[in-house]
Amino acid sequence: MDATLRTFLAVDLPPGAKAALASLIARLKSAGLNSVRWVNLDTIHLTLKFMPETRPSDVERILTASKQALRSTQPFPLFLTRLGAFPNLRSPRVLWVGVEGDLPTLQHTQSTLESHVSPLGYPSDPRGFNPHITIGRLRDSIPPQSRSLIEPLIESEPSLGNLSWTAKELIYIHSTLTPQGPIYRTLGSIPLNLSS
């Protein structure tokens, strides 16, 4: 049997949004937030459907199902909001930036993708969909003094809400994990509003 692939469907971010995130990361670094594995901004995205064990023979089926799912979905506006942490501010493991905008369309887009891709053998995430963009993961060895900085830094960071864009397509990505970080290869794109 062929080895499985790590794939995902996502909304890409425009250069302006990536620049805003780069500035945010630079501020957090300069404030002394160390022991964080920061996400490579070239690969940053808003994940809608993650499939960590994709069968290579299913790649075209997933792409076709996704295009079918979204053929009447209109482009929709999004914008970046506040900085946050999972699972919470006191015990952070993941740093993220929230996403707002036309959330009903975003939620509908994600659930429609799920309903078309899940029957192929890729079930929905039991945690549900919480729109966010991961910017960093805290190392297990983070010093207590760095950990204590996180909550006040997050609470003092202003919202990025003045930066918006229109999601006009989704991308389907193959992710290969390496010690230097993931390497992404685009498997296809799904333009929105194919029916027009």
Foldseek 3Di string as FASTA:
>chain_A
DDFFFKKFKFFADDPVQLVVLVVVVVVLVVVPQDQKDFDDSVPWTWTLAIFHGHDPVCLVVLVVLLLVLQQAQAKFKKFWWAWAAPPHLLDGFWIKIAMDGPVVSVLSSSVSSQVRCVVVPRHDDPVDDGTIITGIGGDPPGDPVSSVPRNVSRVPDGIRGVDMDIRFKMWMWTWDQDPVGIDIDTPDMHGGNNVD
